[in-house]
Amino acid sequence: MAKKAVATLQTGNAGRNHTKCIKMVKSPKTGAYFFQEEIVENEKALAYFK
């Protein structure tokens, strides 16, 4: 089932200004990949992935 983390932020217009971003990051110690999730503002979403 889907998580409802984003749905709890949607109170009026404030919730529509945020996006849940998920990116895959490589661990420097083990070399394994893991997923990093964060809720950021829409304007900062592209900068989050760089």
Protein backbone atom coordinates (compact mmCIF):
# COMPACT_ATOMS: atom_id res chain seq x y z
CA MET A 1 0.00 0.00 0.00
CA ALA A 2 1.09 3.57 -0.59
CA LYS A 3 2.33 5.78 2.18
CA LYS A 4 0.19 8.79 2.98
CA ALA A 5 3.01 11.16 3.98
CA VAL A 6 2.22 13.63 1.21
CA ALA A 7 -1.54 13.53 1.82
CA THR A 8 -1.09 14.84 5.36
CA LEU A 9 0.60 18.01 4.05
CA GLN A 10 -2.31 18.99 1.80
CA THR A 11 -4.08 21.57 3.92
CA GLY A 12 -5.28 24.31 1.60
CA ASN A 13 -2.62 25.57 -0.82
CA ALA A 14 0.33 24.80 1.46
CA GLY A 15 0.44 21.10 0.55
CA ARG A 16 0.48 21.71 -3.17
CA ASN A 17 3.77 23.59 -2.88
CA HIS A 18 5.69 20.47 -1.81
CA THR A 19 6.85 17.35 -3.64
CA LYS A 20 8.08 14.04 -2.27
CA CYS A 21 11.41 13.31 -3.97
CA ILE A 22 13.09 9.91 -3.96
CA LYS A 23 16.64 9.48 -5.23
CA MET A 24 19.02 6.54 -5.30
CA VAL A 25 22.34 7.16 -3.51
CA LYS A 26 25.45 4.99 -3.46
CA SER A 27 26.99 4.37 -0.05
CA PRO A 28 30.69 5.32 0.04
CA LYS A 29 31.52 2.59 2.59
CA THR A 30 29.82 -0.50 1.16
CA GLY A 31 29.09 0.54 -2.42
CA ALA A 32 25.46 -0.54 -2.03
CA TYR A 33 22.63 1.65 -3.27
CA PHE A 34 19.82 2.92 -1.05
CA PHE A 35 16.86 5.23 -1.51
CA GLN A 36 16.75 8.64 0.13
CA GLU A 37 13.31 10.26 0.50
CA GLU A 38 12.64 13.89 1.31
CA ILE A 39 9.74 16.31 0.98
CA VAL A 40 10.94 19.54 -0.66
CA GLU A 41 9.33 22.64 -2.13
CA ASN A 42 8.45 22.52 -5.84
CA GLU A 43 10.99 25.21 -6.73
CA LYS A 44 13.82 23.30 -5.01
CA ALA A 45 13.00 19.87 -6.47
CA LEU A 46 15.46 20.09 -9.40
CA ALA A 47 18.26 21.29 -7.12
CA TYR A 48 17.64 18.31 -4.82
CA PHE A 49 18.59 15.86 -7.58
CA LYS A 50 21.82 17.68 -8.57
